[in-house]
């Protein structure tokens, strides 16, 4: 398949190289501003000097929030930010055809943006050490700007968002990548954020809590547990990369196949058109009906003084927290957070097909999805939910993953989801290389795709879910 020139590929003014080549270079070298050890020390220092605190509080002490008397919905007194409501779901075909659940309703589209600039001929990313109340370790490496509309329009009457002017029109920088991307469809209703990368040639004042890093340095942090937050991962996933100008001879076979998979001319099992058709067919195959209902009417869920939880103790709960964070736009606030009952498992199975690395994606519906189905990791589940079920009722390939020997695991890291809405939402992210006898013809709701094909799909919204995008960012750390 020939490569089509898009916004992601065009060179800038003068002799500027194509964006993909420049991001690839940045992913192979260190910059002059920091080292890995210095970055980790900097994050630890930010936690220490800011004296952050997050404490659970009962709902009757959740200042600024209240339960609507007619619906039981949990909402802010301004009517902004987000609400916790009920959702009635009907999904066919599915193992559970209907259910009700709490859901986060956040109509606003936020901004997740990374500002990049060349130093010594190498692109650097302006990264932020940002506190989020739901993170286990509170401070993680974040995009330059990570803000909801309510935050950047200052509904909270707090401080302005640094560097916001680069990500809203009119701007002086050049947009490298820009798309609306979804977030967790099981917990959000129709939630999307603008993922954007902007390049500037201006002198940029580096404020406290920010640091220039090359893509390689950010990727090195991504291989560590709980350092790079979800918002940074999703923006990293939309960055354009080209195949490095290096020979694959003598390389580890996995890495050589991965490098070939970055090449749009590499042979793949399916075309991008076939991949889009596969997604479209699955969107049409699943029948999803969503109806917002009063939170009081969610069957099987109960509210106590300090949580909204399922009677089984599974899935997730809604709790309240009291937050102190001096360096945020507002130094103290209270809010509800969604707390998962157990960690999840998010796995990408990979294999070589004709010498090119392919990844196995599934077409996966979600309760709150905007467009019914998105391409998701091969395994996307909470194993604890299925531990007592017979094999026939367990997610496809889960048992294979649980029995995989360590030698086949290429990436294995614990990472947190959005700390601004979820409390200690920890998932185990893995990339596994399957053995040669693993079938190349998967079930109809799965498809093998090359890495460059995933990057093409990411030019559009509602194709890859946020977990698949995180895993793509992880996969880019392996070449």
Protein backbone atom coordinates (compact mmCIF):
# COMPACT_ATOMS: atom_id res chain seq x y z
CA UNK A 1 0.00 0.00 0.00
CA UNK A 2 1.47 3.35 -0.99
CA UNK A 3 1.78 6.01 1.66
CA UNK A 4 -0.64 8.93 1.47
CA UNK A 5 0.71 12.32 2.51
CA UNK A 6 -1.27 13.68 5.44
CA UNK A 7 -1.00 16.45 7.97
CA UNK A 8 1.30 14.21 9.97
CA UNK A 9 3.81 13.83 7.14
CA UNK A 10 4.22 17.29 5.68
CA UNK A 11 7.46 19.10 6.21
CA UNK A 12 7.43 22.54 7.75
CA UNK A 13 8.90 25.65 6.19
CA UNK A 14 12.37 25.74 4.69
CA UNK A 15 14.45 22.59 4.88
CA UNK A 16 12.61 21.07 7.83
CA UNK A 17 12.51 17.27 7.52
CA UNK A 18 9.19 15.39 7.58
CA UNK A 19 7.70 15.16 11.05
CA UNK A 20 7.89 11.36 11.16
CA UNK A 21 11.64 11.37 10.57
CA UNK A 22 12.23 14.03 13.21
CA UNK A 23 10.17 12.21 15.85
CA UNK A 24 12.04 9.00 15.05
CA UNK A 25 15.34 10.79 15.62
CA UNK A 26 14.04 12.13 18.93
CA UNK A 27 13.12 8.56 19.90
CA UNK A 28 16.72 7.41 19.47
CA UNK A 29 18.78 10.05 21.30
CA UNK A 30 18.99 11.71 24.70
CA UNK A 31 18.77 15.47 25.11
CA UNK A 32 20.95 17.94 26.94
CA UNK A 33 18.51 18.97 29.65
CA UNK A 34 18.08 15.90 31.85
CA UNK A 35 18.90 12.24 32.41
CA UNK A 36 16.65 9.38 33.46
CA UNK A 37 17.93 9.46 37.03
CA UNK A 38 17.48 13.23 37.19
CA UNK A 39 13.92 12.91 35.87
CA UNK A 40 12.98 10.36 38.53
CA UNK A 41 14.59 12.50 41.22
CA UNK A 42 12.71 15.53 39.91
CA UNK A 43 9.35 13.71 40.12
CA UNK A 44 10.15 12.56 43.66
CA UNK A 45 11.15 16.11 44.59
CA UNK A 46 7.85 17.49 43.25
CA UNK A 47 5.94 15.06 45.49
CA UNK A 48 8.02 16.10 48.48
CA UNK A 49 8.08 19.88 48.17
CA UNK A 50 4.40 20.29 47.35
CA UNK A 51 3.18 18.24 50.34
CA UNK A 52 0.20 16.81 48.44
CA UNK A 53 -2.55 15.00 50.31
CA UNK A 54 -5.65 13.03 49.29
CA UNK A 55 -8.06 11.79 51.93
CA UNK A 56 -11.29 9.79 51.57
CA UNK A 57 -14.35 11.65 52.86
CA UNK A 58 -18.02 10.65 53.19
CA UNK A 59 -20.45 12.14 50.72
CA UNK A 60 -22.04 14.51 53.25
CA UNK A 61 -18.63 16.21 53.62
CA UNK A 62 -18.00 16.47 49.87
CA UNK A 63 -18.09 20.27 49.63
CA UNK A 64 -19.47 21.63 46.37
CA UNK A 65 -21.13 18.34 45.41
CA UNK A 66 -24.61 17.04 46.13
CA UNK A 67 -27.03 14.28 45.20
CA UNK A 68 -29.96 15.62 43.18
CA UNK A 69 -33.10 14.84 45.22
CA UNK A 70 -35.16 13.63 42.23
CA UNK A 71 -32.55 11.44 40.46
CA UNK A 72 -29.84 10.74 43.01
CA UNK A 73 -27.28 11.94 40.45
CA UNK A 74 -24.06 13.23 42.00
CA UNK A 75 -23.26 16.69 40.63
CA UNK A 76 -21.25 19.88 41.22
CA UNK A 77 -23.11 22.98 42.40
CA UNK A 78 -21.99 24.88 39.25
CA UNK A 79 -23.49 22.27 36.95
CA UNK A 80 -20.05 21.95 35.30
CA UNK A 81 -17.09 19.55 35.52
CA UNK A 82 -18.91 16.18 35.43
CA UNK A 83 -21.78 14.21 36.94
CA UNK A 84 -22.24 10.64 38.15
CA UNK A 85 -25.46 9.33 36.62
CA UNK A 86 -27.07 5.99 35.84
CA UNK A 87 -26.87 4.22 32.48
CA UNK A 88 -29.09 1.47 31.14
CA UNK A 89 -27.31 -0.64 28.54
CA UNK A 90 -28.63 -3.17 26.04
CA UNK A 91 -25.94 -4.91 23.99
CA UNK A 92 -26.39 -7.75 21.54
CA UNK A 93 -24.72 -10.09 20.89
CA UNK A 94 -23.02 -10.13 24.31
CA UNK A 95 -22.73 -12.57 27.20
CA UNK A 96 -24.78 -10.16 29.38
CA UNK A 97 -27.41 -8.57 27.09
CA UNK A 98 -28.54 -5.80 29.48
CA UNK A 99 -27.53 -4.12 32.71
CA UNK A 100 -27.50 -0.80 34.56
CA UNK A 101 -24.51 0.95 36.10
CA UNK A 102 -23.20 4.31 37.30
CA UNK A 103 -21.39 6.26 34.58
CA UNK A 104 -19.30 9.45 34.49
CA UNK A 105 -20.95 12.02 32.22
CA UNK A 106 -18.52 14.72 31.12
CA UNK A 107 -19.78 16.51 28.03
CA UNK A 108 -16.74 18.75 27.75
CA UNK A 109 -13.87 18.02 25.38
CA UNK A 110 -10.58 18.64 27.18
CA UNK A 111 -7.11 19.32 25.82
CA UNK A 112 -4.19 16.91 26.10
CA UNK A 113 -1.29 18.64 24.42
CA UNK A 114 2.48 18.22 24.14
CA UNK A 115 4.58 21.19 23.02
CA UNK A 116 7.72 20.26 21.08
CA UNK A 117 10.76 22.33 20.07
CA UNK A 118 14.11 21.58 18.45
CA UNK A 119 17.30 21.87 20.47
CA UNK A 120 20.60 20.88 18.84
CA UNK A 121 18.55 19.67 15.86
CA UNK A 122 16.52 17.23 17.99
CA UNK A 123 12.84 17.56 18.93
CA UNK A 124 12.20 17.80 22.66
CA UNK A 125 8.86 17.48 24.45
CA UNK A 126 7.91 19.87 27.24
CA UNK A 127 6.69 17.47 29.92
CA UNK A 128 5.00 18.29 33.19
CA UNK A 129 5.28 16.77 36.67
CA UNK A 130 1.57 16.82 37.41
CA UNK A 131 -0.33 15.81 40.51
CA UNK A 132 -3.61 13.95 40.07
CA UNK A 133 -5.57 12.85 43.16
CA UNK A 134 -6.25 9.33 41.88
CA UNK A 135 -2.61 8.39 41.19
CA UNK A 136 -1.11 5.98 43.71
CA UNK A 137 2.10 8.04 43.73
CA UNK A 138 0.22 11.32 43.07
CA UNK A 139 2.79 12.91 40.68
CA UNK A 140 3.46 11.44 37.24
CA UNK A 141 4.96 12.59 33.96
CA UNK A 142 2.20 14.37 32.05
CA UNK A 143 1.61 16.36 28.86
CA UNK A 144 2.43 20.06 28.68
CA UNK A 145 -1.29 20.81 28.98
CA UNK A 146 -3.83 18.45 30.51
CA UNK A 147 -7.05 20.31 31.19
CA UNK A 148 -10.81 20.03 30.95
CA UNK A 149 -12.80 22.89 29.43
CA UNK A 150 -14.08 23.78 32.90
CA UNK A 151 -10.48 24.05 34.10
CA UNK A 152 -9.09 26.12 31.26
CA UNK A 153 -12.14 28.43 31.21
CA UNK A 154 -11.55 28.83 34.98
CA UNK A 155 -14.94 27.79 36.28
CA UNK A 156 -13.08 27.07 39.55
CA UNK A 157 -11.80 30.71 39.54
CA UNK A 158 -8.27 29.39 39.93
CA UNK A 159 -4.99 30.17 38.18
CA UNK A 160 -4.65 30.07 34.39
CA UNK A 161 -3.30 26.96 32.63
CA UNK A 162 0.37 27.41 31.62
CA UNK A 163 1.14 27.12 27.88
CA UNK A 164 -2.55 26.86 26.93
CA UNK A 165 -2.04 29.50 24.23
CA UNK A 166 -0.08 27.01 22.10
CA UNK A 167 -3.04 24.64 21.87
CA UNK A 168 -5.96 26.95 21.13
CA UNK A 169 -6.48 29.12 18.06
CA UNK A 170 -5.03 31.47 17.11
CA UNK A 171 -1.60 30.03 17.82
CA UNK A 172 1.91 30.75 16.63
CA UNK A 173 3.08 27.14 16.58
CA UNK A 174 2.65 24.43 13.93
CA UNK A 175 0.22 21.59 14.55
CA UNK A 176 1.95 18.23 14.02
CA UNK A 177 -0.92 15.94 15.05
CA UNK A 178 -4.45 16.71 16.20
CA UNK A 179 -7.41 14.37 16.72
CA UNK A 180 -10.33 13.71 19.03
CA UNK A 181 -9.75 10.46 20.88
CA UNK A 182 -11.99 8.48 23.21
CA UNK A 183 -11.44 7.56 26.84
CA UNK A 184 -12.58 4.56 28.94
CA UNK A 185 -15.94 3.51 27.46
CA UNK A 186 -16.81 1.32 30.43
CA UNK A 187 -16.64 4.24 32.86
CA UNK A 188 -17.33 7.36 30.75
CA UNK A 189 -20.32 8.14 28.54
CA UNK A 190 -19.17 9.38 25.13
CA UNK A 191 -16.01 10.94 26.58
CA UNK A 192 -13.44 12.38 24.19
CA UNK A 193 -10.40 14.63 24.52
CA UNK A 194 -8.45 16.56 21.96
CA UNK A 195 -5.00 15.00 21.57
CA UNK A 196 -2.63 17.51 20.01
CA UNK A 197 1.10 17.96 19.35
CA UNK A 198 2.31 21.47 18.50
CA UNK A 199 5.81 22.59 17.50
CA UNK A 200 7.17 26.04 18.30
CA UNK A 201 10.31 27.96 17.35
CA UNK A 202 9.76 30.58 20.03
CA UNK A 203 11.76 30.96 23.19
CA UNK A 204 9.74 29.18 25.87
CA UNK A 205 10.10 29.99 29.53
CA UNK A 206 10.35 26.70 31.42
CA UNK A 207 8.20 27.10 34.49
CA UNK A 208 8.68 25.13 37.73
CA UNK A 209 7.22 21.66 37.32
CA UNK A 210 8.11 21.40 33.61
CA UNK A 211 11.12 19.94 31.78
CA UNK A 212 12.30 19.40 28.20
CA UNK A 213 12.84 15.73 27.30
CA UNK A 214 13.44 13.86 24.05
CA UNK A 215 10.94 11.22 22.99
CA UNK A 216 13.55 8.56 23.87
CA UNK A 217 13.75 9.84 27.44
CA UNK A 218 9.97 9.85 27.83
CA UNK A 219 9.82 6.33 26.40
CA UNK A 220 12.45 5.17 28.89
CA UNK A 221 10.22 6.46 31.69
CA UNK A 222 7.29 4.58 30.15
CA UNK A 223 9.06 1.27 30.74
CA UNK A 224 8.95 1.93 34.49
CA UNK A 225 5.96 1.24 36.72
CA UNK A 226 3.57 4.16 37.26
CA UNK A 227 5.73 7.02 35.96
CA UNK A 228 4.10 8.20 32.70
CA UNK A 229 0.42 9.02 33.07
CA UNK A 230 -2.39 7.96 30.73
CA UNK A 231 -2.80 11.39 29.16
CA UNK A 232 0.85 11.51 28.14
CA UNK A 233 0.62 7.97 26.74
CA UNK A 234 -2.33 8.75 24.49
CA UNK A 235 -0.61 11.86 23.07
CA UNK A 236 2.60 9.86 22.54
CA UNK A 237 0.57 7.34 20.53
CA UNK A 238 -0.49 9.90 17.91
CA UNK A 239 3.06 11.13 17.24
CA UNK A 240 4.24 10.23 13.73
CA UNK A 241 7.24 7.93 13.40
CA UNK A 242 9.12 6.61 10.38
CA UNK A 243 11.18 3.48 10.17
CA UNK A 244 14.71 4.34 11.39
CA UNK A 245 17.38 4.38 8.70
CA UNK A 246 19.22 1.36 10.01
CA UNK A 247 19.80 -2.18 8.85
CA UNK A 248 17.85 -4.94 10.54
CA UNK A 249 20.66 -7.42 10.02
CA UNK A 250 22.02 -8.77 13.29
CA UNK A 251 19.14 -7.36 15.32
CA UNK A 252 16.97 -9.41 17.62
CA UNK A 253 14.29 -10.90 15.29
CA UNK A 254 11.46 -9.27 17.24
CA UNK A 255 13.02 -5.81 16.98
CA UNK A 256 13.85 -6.28 13.31
CA UNK A 257 10.25 -7.26 12.57
CA UNK A 258 9.01 -4.27 14.61
CA UNK A 259 11.17 -1.87 12.59
CA UNK A 260 9.84 -3.33 9.34
CA UNK A 261 6.31 -2.84 10.69
CA UNK A 262 6.89 0.93 10.84
CA UNK A 263 7.34 0.99 7.05
CA UNK A 264 4.13 1.75 5.10
CA UNK A 265 5.50 -0.33 2.21
CA UNK A 266 5.94 -3.45 4.37
CA UNK A 267 3.64 -6.36 3.43
CA UNK A 268 0.74 -6.79 5.85
CA UNK A 269 -1.97 -9.40 6.14
CA UNK A 270 -4.68 -6.79 5.52
CA UNK A 271 -4.93 -3.33 3.99
CA UNK A 272 -6.02 -0.26 5.95
CA UNK A 273 -9.24 -0.29 3.92
CA UNK A 274 -9.89 -3.86 5.06
CA UNK A 275 -9.15 -2.84 8.65
CA UNK A 276 -11.67 0.01 8.46
CA UNK A 277 -14.19 -2.36 6.88
CA UNK A 278 -13.61 -4.86 9.70
CA UNK A 279 -14.25 -2.16 12.30
CA UNK A 280 -17.31 -0.92 10.42
CA UNK A 281 -18.71 -4.44 10.12
CA UNK A 282 -18.38 -4.93 13.87
CA UNK A 283 -19.96 -1.55 14.61
CA UNK A 284 -22.91 -2.71 12.50
CA UNK A 285 -22.95 -6.22 14.02
CA UNK A 286 -23.32 -5.06 17.61
CA UNK A 287 -26.61 -3.47 18.61
CA UNK A 288 -25.97 -1.03 21.46
CA UNK A 289 -28.70 0.96 23.17
CA UNK A 290 -27.71 3.46 25.85
CA UNK A 291 -30.19 5.32 28.03
CA UNK A 292 -29.30 7.69 30.82
CA UNK A 293 -31.35 6.95 33.90
CA UNK A 294 -31.43 8.31 37.46
CA UNK A 295 -28.54 7.01 39.54
CA UNK A 296 -31.20 5.89 42.05
CA UNK A 297 -32.52 3.42 39.45
CA UNK A 298 -29.30 1.45 38.88
CA UNK A 299 -30.24 -2.11 39.83
CA UNK A 300 -27.70 -3.98 41.96
CA UNK A 301 -25.96 -0.81 43.12
CA UNK A 302 -26.35 0.71 46.58
CA UNK A 303 -25.28 3.95 48.23
CA UNK A 304 -23.81 4.14 51.71
CA UNK A 305 -22.39 7.12 53.58
CA UNK A 306 -19.07 6.93 51.77
CA UNK A 307 -19.45 4.91 48.55
CA UNK A 308 -21.71 3.80 45.72
CA UNK A 309 -20.90 0.15 45.08
CA UNK A 310 -22.22 -3.02 43.46
CA UNK A 311 -23.79 -5.56 45.79
CA UNK A 312 -21.24 -8.16 44.64
CA UNK A 313 -18.32 -5.97 45.67
CA UNK A 314 -17.01 -6.18 42.11
CA UNK A 315 -16.64 -3.84 39.13
CA UNK A 316 -16.03 -0.42 40.73
CA UNK A 317 -17.30 2.02 43.31
CA UNK A 318 -17.74 5.79 43.54
CA UNK A 319 -16.06 7.50 46.49
CA UNK A 320 -15.31 11.06 47.63
CA UNK A 321 -11.88 12.63 48.25
CA UNK A 322 -10.54 15.80 49.84
CA UNK A 323 -7.49 17.08 47.91
CA UNK A 324 -4.68 19.47 48.85
CA UNK A 325 -2.30 20.48 46.04
CA UNK A 326 -0.64 23.86 46.27
CA UNK A 327 0.74 23.96 42.71
CA UNK A 328 -2.57 23.22 40.96
CA UNK A 329 -4.86 25.90 39.54
CA UNK A 330 -6.85 25.58 42.80
CA UNK A 331 -4.93 24.66 45.94
CA UNK A 332 -7.70 22.58 47.55
CA UNK A 333 -10.89 20.94 46.36
CA UNK A 334 -13.17 17.95 46.82
CA UNK A 335 -14.52 15.59 44.20
CA UNK A 336 -15.86 12.08 43.55
CA UNK A 337 -13.60 9.44 41.98
CA UNK A 338 -14.32 6.05 40.43
CA UNK A 339 -12.37 3.29 42.22
CA UNK A 340 -11.96 -0.06 40.39
CA UNK A 341 -12.47 -3.18 42.48
CA UNK A 342 -9.36 -4.89 41.09
CA UNK A 343 -6.48 -4.31 38.66
CA UNK A 344 -7.01 -4.98 34.96
CA UNK A 345 -4.97 -6.87 32.37
CA UNK A 346 -4.30 -5.22 29.01
CA UNK A 347 -2.30 -7.33 26.60
CA UNK A 348 -1.21 -7.02 23.00
CA UNK A 349 -0.30 -10.30 21.33
CA UNK A 350 2.23 -9.92 18.54
CA UNK A 351 3.72 -12.22 15.91
CA UNK A 352 5.72 -12.04 12.71
CA UNK A 353 3.84 -12.52 9.45
CA UNK A 354 6.10 -12.46 6.38
CA UNK A 355 8.86 -10.98 8.52
CA UNK A 356 6.72 -8.02 9.62
CA UNK A 357 5.50 -7.64 13.21
CA UNK A 358 1.70 -7.69 13.47
CA UNK A 359 -0.43 -7.00 16.54
CA UNK A 360 -3.72 -8.72 17.29
CA UNK A 361 -6.58 -6.31 18.00
CA UNK A 362 -10.16 -7.09 18.97
CA UNK A 363 -13.29 -5.18 18.00
CA UNK A 364 -14.67 -4.40 21.45
CA UNK A 365 -17.94 -2.69 22.40
CA UNK A 366 -18.22 -0.67 25.60
CA UNK A 367 -21.19 0.54 27.65
CA UNK A 368 -20.44 4.24 27.20
CA UNK A 369 -18.81 4.13 23.75
CA UNK A 370 -19.70 6.94 21.37
CA UNK A 371 -19.46 4.74 18.27
CA UNK A 372 -20.33 1.27 19.64
CA UNK A 373 -17.01 -0.50 18.90
CA UNK A 374 -13.34 0.41 18.87
CA UNK A 375 -10.20 -1.64 18.26
CA UNK A 376 -8.92 -2.78 21.64
CA UNK A 377 -6.01 -4.83 23.01
CA UNK A 378 -6.10 -8.59 22.41
CA UNK A 379 -6.97 -9.09 26.07
CA UNK A 380 -8.82 -6.27 27.80
CA UNK A 381 -10.41 -7.32 31.06
CA UNK A 382 -10.26 -7.53 34.83
CA UNK A 383 -9.17 -11.15 35.42
CA UNK A 384 -10.72 -11.25 38.91
CA UNK A 385 -14.18 -10.87 37.33
CA UNK A 386 -13.74 -14.13 35.41
CA UNK A 387 -11.70 -16.24 37.82
CA UNK A 388 -14.58 -18.60 38.71
CA UNK A 389 -16.11 -18.89 35.23
CA UNK A 390 -15.56 -21.88 32.93
CA UNK A 391 -13.20 -21.37 29.99
CA UNK A 392 -16.04 -20.95 27.50
CA UNK A 393 -17.24 -17.85 29.34
CA UNK A 394 -13.83 -16.24 29.82
CA UNK A 395 -12.42 -13.58 27.46
CA UNK A 396 -10.72 -15.01 24.39
CA UNK A 397 -6.95 -15.51 24.82
CA UNK A 398 -7.05 -14.74 28.57
CA UNK A 399 -6.00 -18.25 29.53
CA UNK A 400 -3.26 -18.15 26.89
CA UNK A 401 -1.92 -14.92 28.42
CA UNK A 402 -2.08 -16.27 31.98
CA UNK A 403 -0.02 -19.31 30.93
CA UNK A 404 2.54 -17.43 28.80
CA UNK A 405 6.16 -18.15 29.79
CA UNK A 406 8.25 -15.13 30.75
CA UNK A 407 10.57 -15.51 27.75
CA UNK A 408 7.74 -14.43 25.41
CA UNK A 409 6.91 -11.23 27.32
CA UNK A 410 8.46 -8.20 25.61
CA UNK A 411 6.90 -5.47 27.76
CA UNK A 412 5.44 -5.76 31.26
CA UNK A 413 4.63 -2.66 33.30
CA UNK A 414 1.98 -1.50 35.77
CA UNK A 415 0.44 1.80 34.68
CA UNK A 416 -2.32 4.01 36.09
CA UNK A 417 -5.34 5.30 34.22
CA UNK A 418 -6.67 8.88 34.41
CA UNK A 419 -5.89 10.09 37.93
CA UNK A 420 -8.27 13.02 37.68
CA UNK A 421 -11.33 10.75 37.58
CA UNK A 422 -10.18 7.32 38.83
CA UNK A 423 -8.73 6.33 42.19
CA UNK A 424 -5.84 3.86 41.98
CA UNK A 425 -7.00 2.49 38.61
CA UNK A 426 -4.00 0.28 37.99
CA UNK A 427 -3.60 -2.01 35.00
CA UNK A 428 -0.91 -4.45 33.98
CA UNK A 429 0.19 -3.62 30.42
CA UNK A 430 1.92 -6.41 28.53
CA UNK A 431 3.22 -7.02 25.01
CA UNK A 432 3.68 -10.71 24.28
CA UNK A 433 5.32 -12.39 21.31
CA UNK A 434 3.44 -15.58 20.44
CA UNK A 435 5.10 -18.75 19.19
CA UNK A 436 5.31 -19.61 15.48
CA UNK A 437 2.44 -22.11 15.58
CA UNK A 438 0.01 -19.48 16.87
CA UNK A 439 -2.73 -19.17 14.20
CA UNK A 440 -2.63 -16.29 11.71
CA UNK A 441 -6.38 -16.62 11.14
CA UNK A 442 -8.07 -15.31 14.31
CA UNK A 443 -11.76 -15.28 15.29
CA UNK A 444 -13.83 -12.80 13.22
CA UNK A 445 -13.84 -10.12 15.91
CA UNK A 446 -10.02 -10.04 15.87
CA UNK A 447 -7.58 -8.82 13.21
CA UNK A 448 -3.80 -8.82 12.74
CA UNK A 449 -2.49 -5.36 11.77
CA UNK A 450 0.92 -3.80 11.22
CA UNK A 451 2.18 -0.99 13.40
CA UNK A 452 2.09 1.60 10.60
CA UNK A 453 -1.56 0.69 10.04
CA UNK A 454 -2.39 1.49 13.66
CA UNK A 455 -0.65 4.84 13.22
CA UNK A 456 -2.80 5.53 10.16
CA UNK A 457 -6.01 4.66 12.02
CA UNK A 458 -5.02 7.07 14.78
CA UNK A 459 -5.38 10.00 12.39
CA UNK A 460 -9.10 9.47 12.99
CA UNK A 461 -11.10 9.29 16.21
CA UNK A 462 -13.02 6.32 17.61
CA UNK A 463 -10.83 3.70 15.94
CA UNK A 464 -8.42 2.64 18.73
CA UNK A 465 -9.53 2.77 22.34
CA UNK A 466 -7.40 4.47 24.97
CA UNK A 467 -5.94 1.19 26.24
CA UNK A 468 -4.84 0.18 22.73
CA UNK A 469 -3.29 3.61 22.28
CA UNK A 470 -1.34 3.20 25.52
CA UNK A 471 -0.04 -0.15 24.31
CA UNK A 472 0.99 1.35 20.99
CA UNK A 473 2.99 3.96 22.90
CA UNK A 474 4.55 1.09 24.88
CA UNK A 475 5.33 -0.82 21.67
CA UNK A 476 7.23 2.20 20.33
CA UNK A 477 9.62 1.89 23.29
CA UNK A 478 10.82 -1.50 21.98
CA UNK A 479 12.49 -0.43 18.76
